[in-house]
Amino acid sequence: MNSRSKFPWGLAVSLLFFAIWNLVDFGRPGCSDCYLQIGKPFAFFDEGGFLHDTKVIWSGLVGGILTLLFVGMLIGTIWTRLRMDIAKAKKL
């Protein structure tokens, strides 16, 4: 595997982590007249009681996607550097 193929794996790991984190957050118990924001690391869904509408928080959604991409690229970079260090150590 070359270094470029690590980034899709990093994104996949990041996506899995954030998907599980958001599923746990989405499964929180609520009540009929509670105010609740759903989404990790940024709230992207707003849900309220009898008088409050539900809505998508677009800035939170965009922030979450950018965080997902950044963390995925970071994981891919760390993975690539670790593999390169291990390969160098084996050559010694």
PDB file of N, CA and C in Angstrom:
ATOM      1  N   MET A   1       0.836  -1.178   0.000  1.00  0.00           N
ATOM      2  CA  MET A   1       0.000   0.000   0.000  1.00  0.00           C
ATOM      3  C   MET A   1       0.881   1.242   0.000  1.00  0.00           C
ATOM      4  N   ASN A   2       0.604   2.136  -0.906  1.00  0.00           N
ATOM      5  CA  ASN A   2       1.371   3.373  -0.922  1.00  0.00           C
ATOM      6  C   ASN A   2       0.792   4.372   0.075  1.00  0.00           C
ATOM      7  N   SER A   3       1.485   5.509   0.233  1.00  0.00           N
ATOM      8  CA  SER A   3       1.070   6.475   1.256  1.00  0.00           C
ATOM      9  C   SER A   3      -0.269   7.130   0.934  1.00  0.00           C
ATOM     10  N   ARG A   4      -0.606   7.254  -0.338  1.00  0.00           N
ATOM     11  CA  ARG A   4      -1.882   7.874  -0.693  1.00  0.00           C
ATOM     12  C   ARG A   4      -3.069   7.019  -0.298  1.00  0.00           C
ATOM     13  N   SER A   5      -2.892   5.715  -0.275  1.00  0.00           N
ATOM     14  CA  SER A   5      -4.021   4.851   0.064  1.00  0.00           C
ATOM     15  C   SER A   5      -4.313   4.832   1.558  1.00  0.00           C
ATOM     16  N   LYS A   6      -3.483   5.464   2.372  1.00  0.00           N
ATOM     17  CA  LYS A   6      -3.748   5.541   3.808  1.00  0.00           C
ATOM     18  C   LYS A   6      -4.838   6.569   4.121  1.00  0.00           C
ATOM     19  N   PHE A   7      -4.949   7.605   3.303  1.00  0.00           N
ATOM     20  CA  PHE A   7      -5.921   8.652   3.595  1.00  0.00           C
ATOM     21  C   PHE A   7      -7.367   8.162   3.512  1.00  0.00           C
ATOM     22  N   PRO A   8      -7.753   7.360   2.532  1.00  0.00           N
ATOM     23  CA  PRO A   8      -9.125   6.824   2.577  1.00  0.00           C
ATOM     24  C   PRO A   8      -9.379   5.961   3.811  1.00  0.00           C
ATOM     25  N   TRP A   9      -8.361   5.224   4.251  1.00  0.00           N
ATOM     26  CA  TRP A   9      -8.530   4.427   5.473  1.00  0.00           C
ATOM     27  C   TRP A   9      -8.655   5.328   6.693  1.00  0.00           C
ATOM     28  N   GLY A  10      -7.887   6.399   6.723  1.00  0.00           N
ATOM     29  CA  GLY A  10      -8.015   7.361   7.822  1.00  0.00           C
ATOM     30  C   GLY A  10      -9.387   8.002   7.847  1.00  0.00           C
ATOM     31  N   LEU A  11      -9.910   8.353   6.666  1.00  0.00           N
ATOM     32  CA  LEU A  11     -11.255   8.921   6.590  1.00  0.00           C
ATOM     33  C   LEU A  11     -12.314   7.902   7.015  1.00  0.00           C
ATOM     34  N   ALA A  12     -12.109   6.642   6.655  1.00  0.00           N
ATOM     35  CA  ALA A  12     -13.067   5.603   7.040  1.00  0.00           C
ATOM     36  C   ALA A  12     -13.078   5.413   8.561  1.00  0.00           C
ATOM     37  N   VAL A  13     -11.898   5.416   9.173  1.00  0.00           N
ATOM     38  CA  VAL A  13     -11.817   5.285  10.632  1.00  0.00           C
ATOM     39  C   VAL A  13     -12.475   6.490  11.299  1.00  0.00           C
ATOM     40  N   SER A  14     -12.203   7.676  10.783  1.00  0.00           N
ATOM     41  CA  SER A  14     -12.801   8.898  11.317  1.00  0.00           C
ATOM     42  C   SER A  14     -14.320   8.874  11.167  1.00  0.00           C
ATOM     43  N   LEU A  15     -14.804   8.471  10.012  1.00  0.00           N
ATOM     44  CA  LEU A  15     -16.240   8.392   9.772  1.00  0.00           C
ATOM     45  C   LEU A  15     -16.903   7.403  10.723  1.00  0.00           C
ATOM     46  N   LEU A  16     -16.273   6.260  10.924  1.00  0.00           N
ATOM     47  CA  LEU A  16     -16.825   5.259  11.838  1.00  0.00           C
ATOM     48  C   LEU A  16     -16.893   5.806  13.264  1.00  0.00           C
ATOM     49  N   PHE A  17     -15.809   6.453  13.706  1.00  0.00           N
ATOM     50  CA  PHE A  17     -15.777   7.013  15.060  1.00  0.00           C
ATOM     51  C   PHE A  17     -16.887   8.055  15.255  1.00  0.00           C
ATOM     52  N   PHE A  18     -16.984   9.013  14.317  1.00  0.00           N
ATOM     53  CA  PHE A  18     -17.986  10.065  14.465  1.00  0.00           C
ATOM     54  C   PHE A  18     -19.408   9.526  14.284  1.00  0.00           C
ATOM     55  N   ALA A  19     -19.593   8.517  13.452  1.00  0.00           N
ATOM     56  CA  ALA A  19     -20.926   7.926  13.282  1.00  0.00           C
ATOM     57  C   ALA A  19     -21.387   7.262  14.576  1.00  0.00           C
ATOM     58  N   ILE A  20     -20.492   6.509  15.218  1.00  0.00           N
ATOM     59  CA  ILE A  20     -20.858   5.860  16.482  1.00  0.00           C
ATOM     60  C   ILE A  20     -21.127   6.906  17.555  1.00  0.00           C
ATOM     61  N   TRP A  21     -20.288   7.932  17.615  1.00  0.00           N
ATOM     62  CA  TRP A  21     -20.446   9.004  18.606  1.00  0.00           C
ATOM     63  C   TRP A  21     -21.796   9.705  18.427  1.00  0.00           C
ATOM     64  N   ASN A  22     -22.182   9.965  17.188  1.00  0.00           N
ATOM     65  CA  ASN A  22     -23.452  10.643  16.928  1.00  0.00           C
ATOM     66  C   ASN A  22     -24.645   9.723  17.151  1.00  0.00           C
ATOM     67  N   LEU A  23     -24.499   8.442  16.873  1.00  0.00           N
ATOM     68  CA  LEU A  23     -25.591   7.506  17.146  1.00  0.00           C
ATOM     69  C   LEU A  23     -25.866   7.411  18.641  1.00  0.00           C
ATOM     70  N   VAL A  24     -24.800   7.402  19.435  1.00  0.00           N
ATOM     71  CA  VAL A  24     -24.972   7.383  20.889  1.00  0.00           C
ATOM     72  C   VAL A  24     -25.655   8.675  21.343  1.00  0.00           C
ATOM     73  N   ASP A  25     -25.239   9.799  20.774  1.00  0.00           N
ATOM     74  CA  ASP A  25     -25.837  11.080  21.128  1.00  0.00           C
ATOM     75  C   ASP A  25     -27.296  11.154  20.685  1.00  0.00           C
ATOM     76  N   PHE A  26     -27.622  10.614  19.522  1.00  0.00           N
ATOM     77  CA  PHE A  26     -28.982  10.641  19.004  1.00  0.00           C
ATOM     78  C   PHE A  26     -29.919   9.774  19.834  1.00  0.00           C
ATOM     79  N   GLY A  27     -29.378   8.750  20.462  1.00  0.00           N
ATOM     80  CA  GLY A  27     -30.183   7.830  21.250  1.00  0.00           C
ATOM     81  C   GLY A  27     -30.474   8.300  22.665  1.00  0.00           C
ATOM     82  N   ARG A  28     -30.112   9.550  22.976  1.00  0.00           N
ATOM     83  CA  ARG A  28     -30.404  10.078  24.312  1.00  0.00           C
ATOM     84  C   ARG A  28     -31.902  10.105  24.557  1.00  0.00           C
ATOM     85  N   PRO A  29     -32.306   9.781  25.778  1.00  0.00           N
ATOM     86  CA  PRO A  29     -33.741   9.882  26.069  1.00  0.00           C
ATOM     87  C   PRO A  29     -34.165  11.344  26.125  1.00  0.00           C
ATOM     88  N   GLY A  30     -35.326  11.603  25.639  1.00  0.00           N
ATOM     89  CA  GLY A  30     -35.861  12.960  25.647  1.00  0.00           C
ATOM     90  C   GLY A  30     -37.220  12.983  26.325  1.00  0.00           C
ATOM     91  N   CYS A  31     -37.810  14.136  26.311  1.00  0.00           N
ATOM     92  CA  CYS A  31     -39.164  14.256  26.838  1.00  0.00           C
ATOM     93  C   CYS A  31     -39.974  15.098  25.864  1.00  0.00           C
ATOM     94  N   SER A  32     -41.249  15.247  26.129  1.00  0.00           N
ATOM     95  CA  SER A  32     -42.113  15.920  25.164  1.00  0.00           C
ATOM     96  C   SER A  32     -41.926  17.438  25.151  1.00  0.00           C
ATOM     97  N   ASP A  33     -41.373  18.026  26.204  1.00  0.00           N
ATOM     98  CA  ASP A  33     -41.209  19.474  26.232  1.00  0.00           C
ATOM     99  C   ASP A  33     -39.774  19.870  26.595  1.00  0.00           C
ATOM    100  N   CYS A  34     -38.814  19.130  26.090  1.00  0.00           N
ATOM    101  CA  CYS A  34     -37.403  19.416  26.357  1.00  0.00           C
ATOM    102  C   CYS A  34     -36.760  20.067  25.138  1.00  0.00           C
ATOM    103  N   TYR A  35     -35.729  20.805  25.389  1.00  0.00           N
ATOM    104  CA  TYR A  35     -34.942  21.414  24.322  1.00  0.00           C
ATOM    105  C   TYR A  35     -33.685  20.566  24.148  1.00  0.00           C
ATOM    106  N   LEU A  36     -33.422  20.123  22.947  1.00  0.00           N
ATOM    107  CA  LEU A  36     -32.328  19.188  22.713  1.00  0.00           C
ATOM    108  C   LEU A  36     -31.580  19.558  21.440  1.00  0.00           C
ATOM    109  N   GLN A  37     -30.261  19.604  21.521  1.00  0.00           N
ATOM    110  CA  GLN A  37     -29.430  19.761  20.337  1.00  0.00           C
ATOM    111  C   GLN A  37     -28.691  18.450  20.135  1.00  0.00           C
ATOM    112  N   ILE A  38     -28.732  17.948  18.914  1.00  0.00           N
ATOM    113  CA  ILE A  38     -28.144  16.653  18.596  1.00  0.00           C
ATOM    114  C   ILE A  38     -26.962  16.869  17.673  1.00  0.00           C
ATOM    115  N   GLY A  39     -25.887  16.139  17.926  1.00  0.00           N
ATOM    116  CA  GLY A  39     -24.719  16.185  17.070  1.00  0.00           C
ATOM    117  C   GLY A  39     -23.445  16.360  17.857  1.00  0.00           C
ATOM    118  N   LYS A  40     -22.441  15.620  17.488  1.00  0.00           N
ATOM    119  CA  LYS A  40     -21.112  15.722  18.071  1.00  0.00           C
ATOM    120  C   LYS A  40     -20.119  15.805  16.947  1.00  0.00           C
ATOM    121  N   PRO A  41     -19.087  16.553  16.967  1.00  0.00           N
ATOM    122  CA  PRO A  41     -18.617  17.490  17.964  1.00  0.00           C
ATOM    123  C   PRO A  41     -19.379  18.812  17.926  1.00  0.00           C
ATOM    124  N   PHE A  42     -20.127  19.098  16.862  1.00  0.00           N
ATOM    125  CA  PHE A  42     -20.938  20.311  16.780  1.00  0.00           C
ATOM    126  C   PHE A  42     -22.400  19.906  16.609  1.00  0.00           C
ATOM    127  N   ALA A  43     -23.274  20.634  17.291  1.00  0.00           N
ATOM    128  CA  ALA A  43     -24.703  20.344  17.162  1.00  0.00           C
ATOM    129  C   ALA A  43     -25.156  20.663  15.738  1.00  0.00           C
ATOM    130  N   PHE A  44     -25.828  19.704  15.084  1.00  0.00           N
ATOM    131  CA  PHE A  44     -26.307  19.926  13.721  1.00  0.00           C
ATOM    132  C   PHE A  44     -27.815  19.749  13.596  1.00  0.00           C
ATOM    133  N   PHE A  45     -28.484  19.404  14.692  1.00  0.00           N
ATOM    134  CA  PHE A  45     -29.930  19.226  14.665  1.00  0.00           C
ATOM    135  C   PHE A  45     -30.506  19.787  15.949  1.00  0.00           C
ATOM    136  N   ASP A  46     -31.518  20.598  15.827  1.00  0.00           N
ATOM    137  CA  ASP A  46     -32.143  21.271  16.947  1.00  0.00           C
ATOM    138  C   ASP A  46     -33.563  20.742  17.087  1.00  0.00           C
ATOM    139  N   GLU A  47     -33.890  20.302  18.276  1.00  0.00           N
ATOM    140  CA  GLU A  47     -35.192  19.695  18.501  1.00  0.00           C
ATOM    141  C   GLU A  47     -35.772  20.281  19.777  1.00  0.00           C
ATOM    142  N   GLY A  48     -37.030  20.668  19.735  1.00  0.00           N
ATOM    143  CA  GLY A  48     -37.615  21.300  20.905  1.00  0.00           C
ATOM    144  C   GLY A  48     -38.942  20.709  21.288  1.00  0.00           C
ATOM    145  N   GLY A  49     -39.512  21.288  22.302  1.00  0.00           N
ATOM    146  CA  GLY A  49     -40.762  20.801  22.855  1.00  0.00           C
ATOM    147  C   GLY A  49     -41.971  21.217  22.043  1.00  0.00           C
ATOM    148  N   PHE A  50     -43.047  21.560  22.737  1.00  0.00           N
ATOM    149  CA  PHE A  50     -44.315  21.836  22.081  1.00  0.00           C
ATOM    150  C   PHE A  50     -44.281  23.085  21.204  1.00  0.00           C
ATOM    151  N   LEU A  51     -43.534  24.092  21.602  1.00  0.00           N
ATOM    152  CA  LEU A  51     -43.542  25.357  20.880  1.00  0.00           C
ATOM    153  C   LEU A  51     -42.333  25.556  19.971  1.00  0.00           C
ATOM    154  N   HIS A  52     -41.409  24.671  19.984  1.00  0.00           N
ATOM    155  CA  HIS A  52     -40.165  24.849  19.236  1.00  0.00           C
ATOM    156  C   HIS A  52     -40.124  23.884  18.056  1.00  0.00           C
ATOM    157  N   ASP A  53     -39.792  24.398  16.900  1.00  0.00           N
ATOM    158  CA  ASP A  53     -39.678  23.547  15.712  1.00  0.00           C
ATOM    159  C   ASP A  53     -38.363  22.795  15.715  1.00  0.00           C
ATOM    160  N   THR A  54     -38.327  21.735  14.935  1.00  0.00           N
ATOM    161  CA  THR A  54     -37.063  21.040  14.713  1.00  0.00           C
ATOM    162  C   THR A  54     -36.413  21.635  13.471  1.00  0.00           C
ATOM    163  N   LYS A  55     -35.099  21.750  13.499  1.00  0.00           N
ATOM    164  CA  LYS A  55     -34.405  22.331  12.356  1.00  0.00           C
ATOM    165  C   LYS A  55     -32.983  21.808  12.281  1.00  0.00           C
ATOM    166  N   VAL A  56     -32.408  21.936  11.106  1.00  0.00           N
ATOM    167  CA  VAL A  56     -31.015  21.572  10.880  1.00  0.00           C
ATOM    168  C   VAL A  56     -30.162  22.811  11.132  1.00  0.00           C
ATOM    169  N   ILE A  57     -29.080  22.644  11.874  1.00  0.00           N
ATOM    170  CA  ILE A  57     -28.138  23.729  12.116  1.00  0.00           C
ATOM    171  C   ILE A  57     -27.007  23.558  11.097  1.00  0.00           C
ATOM    172  N   TRP A  58     -27.057  24.352  10.034  1.00  0.00           N
ATOM    173  CA  TRP A  58     -26.138  24.160   8.914  1.00  0.00           C
ATOM    174  C   TRP A  58     -24.686  24.435   9.283  1.00  0.00           C
ATOM    175  N   SER A  59     -24.439  25.420  10.130  1.00  0.00           N
ATOM    176  CA  SER A  59     -23.059  25.697  10.523  1.00  0.00           C
ATOM    177  C   SER A  59     -22.477  24.525  11.311  1.00  0.00           C
ATOM    178  N   GLY A  60     -23.284  23.884  12.141  1.00  0.00           N
ATOM    179  CA  GLY A  60     -22.830  22.703  12.873  1.00  0.00           C
ATOM    180  C   GLY A  60     -22.581  21.526  11.955  1.00  0.00           C
ATOM    181  N   LEU A  61     -23.424  21.367  10.938  1.00  0.00           N
ATOM    182  CA  LEU A  61     -23.254  20.281   9.980  1.00  0.00           C
ATOM    183  C   LEU A  61     -21.969  20.458   9.173  1.00  0.00           C
ATOM    184  N   VAL A  62     -21.730  21.686   8.697  1.00  0.00           N
ATOM    185  CA  VAL A  62     -20.506  21.972   7.936  1.00  0.00           C
ATOM    186  C   VAL A  62     -19.283  21.810   8.834  1.00  0.00           C
ATOM    187  N   GLY A  63     -19.373  22.317  10.072  1.00  0.00           N
ATOM    188  CA  GLY A  63     -18.263  22.160  11.016  1.00  0.00           C
ATOM    189  C   GLY A  63     -17.970  20.705  11.323  1.00  0.00           C
ATOM    190  N   GLY A  64     -19.002  19.897  11.455  1.00  0.00           N
ATOM    191  CA  GLY A  64     -18.812  18.465  11.706  1.00  0.00           C
ATOM    192  C   GLY A  64     -18.154  17.761  10.535  1.00  0.00           C
ATOM    193  N   ILE A  65     -18.559  18.113   9.323  1.00  0.00           N
ATOM    194  CA  ILE A  65     -17.967  17.504   8.131  1.00  0.00           C
ATOM    195  C   ILE A  65     -16.500  17.912   8.000  1.00  0.00           C
ATOM    196  N   LEU A  66     -16.202  19.190   8.226  1.00  0.00           N
ATOM    197  CA  LEU A  66     -14.806  19.643   8.159  1.00  0.00           C
ATOM    198  C   LEU A  66     -13.953  18.975   9.236  1.00  0.00           C
ATOM    199  N   THR A  67     -14.514  18.804  10.428  1.00  0.00           N
ATOM    200  CA  THR A  67     -13.795  18.105  11.498  1.00  0.00           C
ATOM    201  C   THR A  67     -13.550  16.652  11.114  1.00  0.00           C
ATOM    202  N   LEU A  68     -14.545  16.011  10.541  1.00  0.00           N
ATOM    203  CA  LEU A  68     -14.406  14.632  10.083  1.00  0.00           C
ATOM    204  C   LEU A  68     -13.271  14.505   9.067  1.00  0.00           C
ATOM    205  N   LEU A  69     -13.225  15.416   8.098  1.00  0.00           N
ATOM    206  CA  LEU A  69     -12.172  15.384   7.087  1.00  0.00           C
ATOM    207  C   LEU A  69     -10.796  15.653   7.700  1.00  0.00           C
ATOM    208  N   PHE A  70     -10.715  16.638   8.595  1.00  0.00           N
ATOM    209  CA  PHE A  70      -9.440  16.963   9.225  1.00  0.00           C
ATOM    210  C   PHE A  70      -8.922  15.780  10.047  1.00  0.00           C
ATOM    211  N   VAL A  71      -9.781  15.197  10.857  1.00  0.00           N
ATOM    212  CA  VAL A  71      -9.362  14.059  11.689  1.00  0.00           C
ATOM    213  C   VAL A  71      -8.973  12.877  10.803  1.00  0.00           C
ATOM    214  N   GLY A  72      -9.700  12.650   9.724  1.00  0.00           N
ATOM    215  CA  GLY A  72      -9.364  11.571   8.797  1.00  0.00           C
ATOM    216  C   GLY A  72      -8.003  11.766   8.151  1.00  0.00           C
ATOM    217  N   MET A  73      -7.719  13.000   7.727  1.00  0.00           N
ATOM    218  CA  MET A  73      -6.400  13.271   7.131  1.00  0.00           C
ATOM    219  C   MET A  73      -5.296  13.161   8.173  1.00  0.00           C
ATOM    220  N   LEU A  74      -5.591  13.580   9.408  1.00  0.00           N
ATOM    221  CA  LEU A  74      -4.617  13.458  10.484  1.00  0.00           C
ATOM    222  C   LEU A  74      -4.308  11.992  10.783  1.00  0.00           C
ATOM    223  N   ILE A  75      -5.330  11.166  10.832  1.00  0.00           N
ATOM    224  CA  ILE A  75      -5.127   9.727  11.053  1.00  0.00           C
ATOM    225  C   ILE A  75      -4.303   9.135   9.904  1.00  0.00           C
ATOM    226  N   GLY A  76      -4.630   9.508   8.668  1.00  0.00           N
ATOM    227  CA  GLY A  76      -3.872   9.015   7.519  1.00  0.00           C
ATOM    228  C   GLY A  76      -2.422   9.453   7.556  1.00  0.00           C
ATOM    229  N   THR A  77      -2.160  10.696   7.958  1.00  0.00           N
ATOM    230  CA  THR A  77      -0.786  11.191   8.046  1.00  0.00           C
ATOM    231  C   THR A  77      -0.009  10.466   9.143  1.00  0.00           C
ATOM    232  N   ILE A  78      -0.619  10.313  10.299  1.00  0.00           N
ATOM    233  CA  ILE A  78       0.050   9.604  11.395  1.00  0.00           C
ATOM    234  C   ILE A  78       0.318   8.162  11.003  1.00  0.00           C
ATOM    235  N   TRP A  79      -0.647   7.524  10.377  1.00  0.00           N
ATOM    236  CA  TRP A  79      -0.499   6.142   9.952  1.00  0.00           C
ATOM    237  C   TRP A  79       0.667   6.019   8.962  1.00  0.00           C
ATOM    238  N   THR A  80       0.738   6.925   8.001  1.00  0.00           N
ATOM    239  CA  THR A  80       1.810   6.892   7.004  1.00  0.00           C
ATOM    240  C   THR A  80       3.171   7.081   7.665  1.00  0.00           C
ATOM    241  N   ARG A  81       3.275   8.031   8.563  1.00  0.00           N
ATOM    242  CA  ARG A  81       4.566   8.281   9.224  1.00  0.00           C
ATOM    243  C   ARG A  81       4.985   7.118  10.103  1.00  0.00           C
ATOM    244  N   LEU A  82       4.049   6.517  10.805  1.00  0.00           N
ATOM    245  CA  LEU A  82       4.378   5.349  11.624  1.00  0.00           C
ATOM    246  C   LEU A  82       4.870   4.193  10.767  1.00  0.00           C
ATOM    247  N   ARG A  83       4.201   3.972   9.642  1.00  0.00           N
ATOM    248  CA  ARG A  83       4.624   2.889   8.741  1.00  0.00           C
ATOM    249  C   ARG A  83       6.018   3.164   8.176  1.00  0.00           C
ATOM    250  N   MET A  84       6.301   4.423   7.860  1.00  0.00           N
ATOM    251  CA  MET A  84       7.621   4.771   7.331  1.00  0.00           C
ATOM    252  C   MET A  84       8.692   4.576   8.406  1.00  0.00           C
ATOM    253  N   ASP A  85       8.395   4.949   9.653  1.00  0.00           N
ATOM    254  CA  ASP A  85       9.348   4.758  10.746  1.00  0.00           C
ATOM    255  C   ASP A  85       9.592   3.281  11.010  1.00  0.00           C
ATOM    256  N   ILE A  86       8.558   2.478  10.939  1.00  0.00           N
ATOM    257  CA  ILE A  86       8.704   1.037  11.137  1.00  0.00           C
ATOM    258  C   ILE A  86       9.544   0.442  10.010  1.00  0.00           C
ATOM    259  N   ALA A  87       9.318   0.881   8.774  1.00  0.00           N
ATOM    260  CA  ALA A  87      10.084   0.377   7.632  1.00  0.00           C
ATOM    261  C   ALA A  87      11.551   0.771   7.765  1.00  0.00           C
ATOM    262  N   LYS A  88      11.827   1.978   8.222  1.00  0.00           N
ATOM    263  CA  LYS A  88      13.218   2.407   8.436  1.00  0.00           C
ATOM    264  C   LYS A  88      13.886   1.616   9.521  1.00  0.00           C
ATOM    265  N   ALA A  89      13.150   1.315  10.592  1.00  0.00           N
ATOM    266  CA  ALA A  89      13.707   0.545  11.710  1.00  0.00           C
ATOM    267  C   ALA A  89      14.010  -0.880  11.279  1.00  0.00           C
ATOM    268  N   LYS A  90      13.215  -1.453  10.404  1.00  0.00           N
ATOM    269  CA  LYS A  90      13.471  -2.811   9.933  1.00  0.00           C
ATOM    270  C   LYS A  90      14.714  -2.884   9.058  1.00  0.00           C
ATOM    271  N   LYS A  91      15.008  -1.788   8.341  1.00  0.00           N
ATOM    272  CA  LYS A  91      16.176  -1.769   7.470  1.00  0.00           C
ATOM    273  C   LYS A  91      17.475  -1.680   8.255  1.00  0.00           C
ATOM    274  N   LEU A  92      17.385  -1.143   9.475  1.00  0.00           N
ATOM    275  CA  LEU A  92      18.586  -1.007  10.293  1.00  0.00           C
ATOM    276  C   LEU A  92      18.889  -2.332  10.870  1.00  0.00           C
TER     277      LEU A  92
END
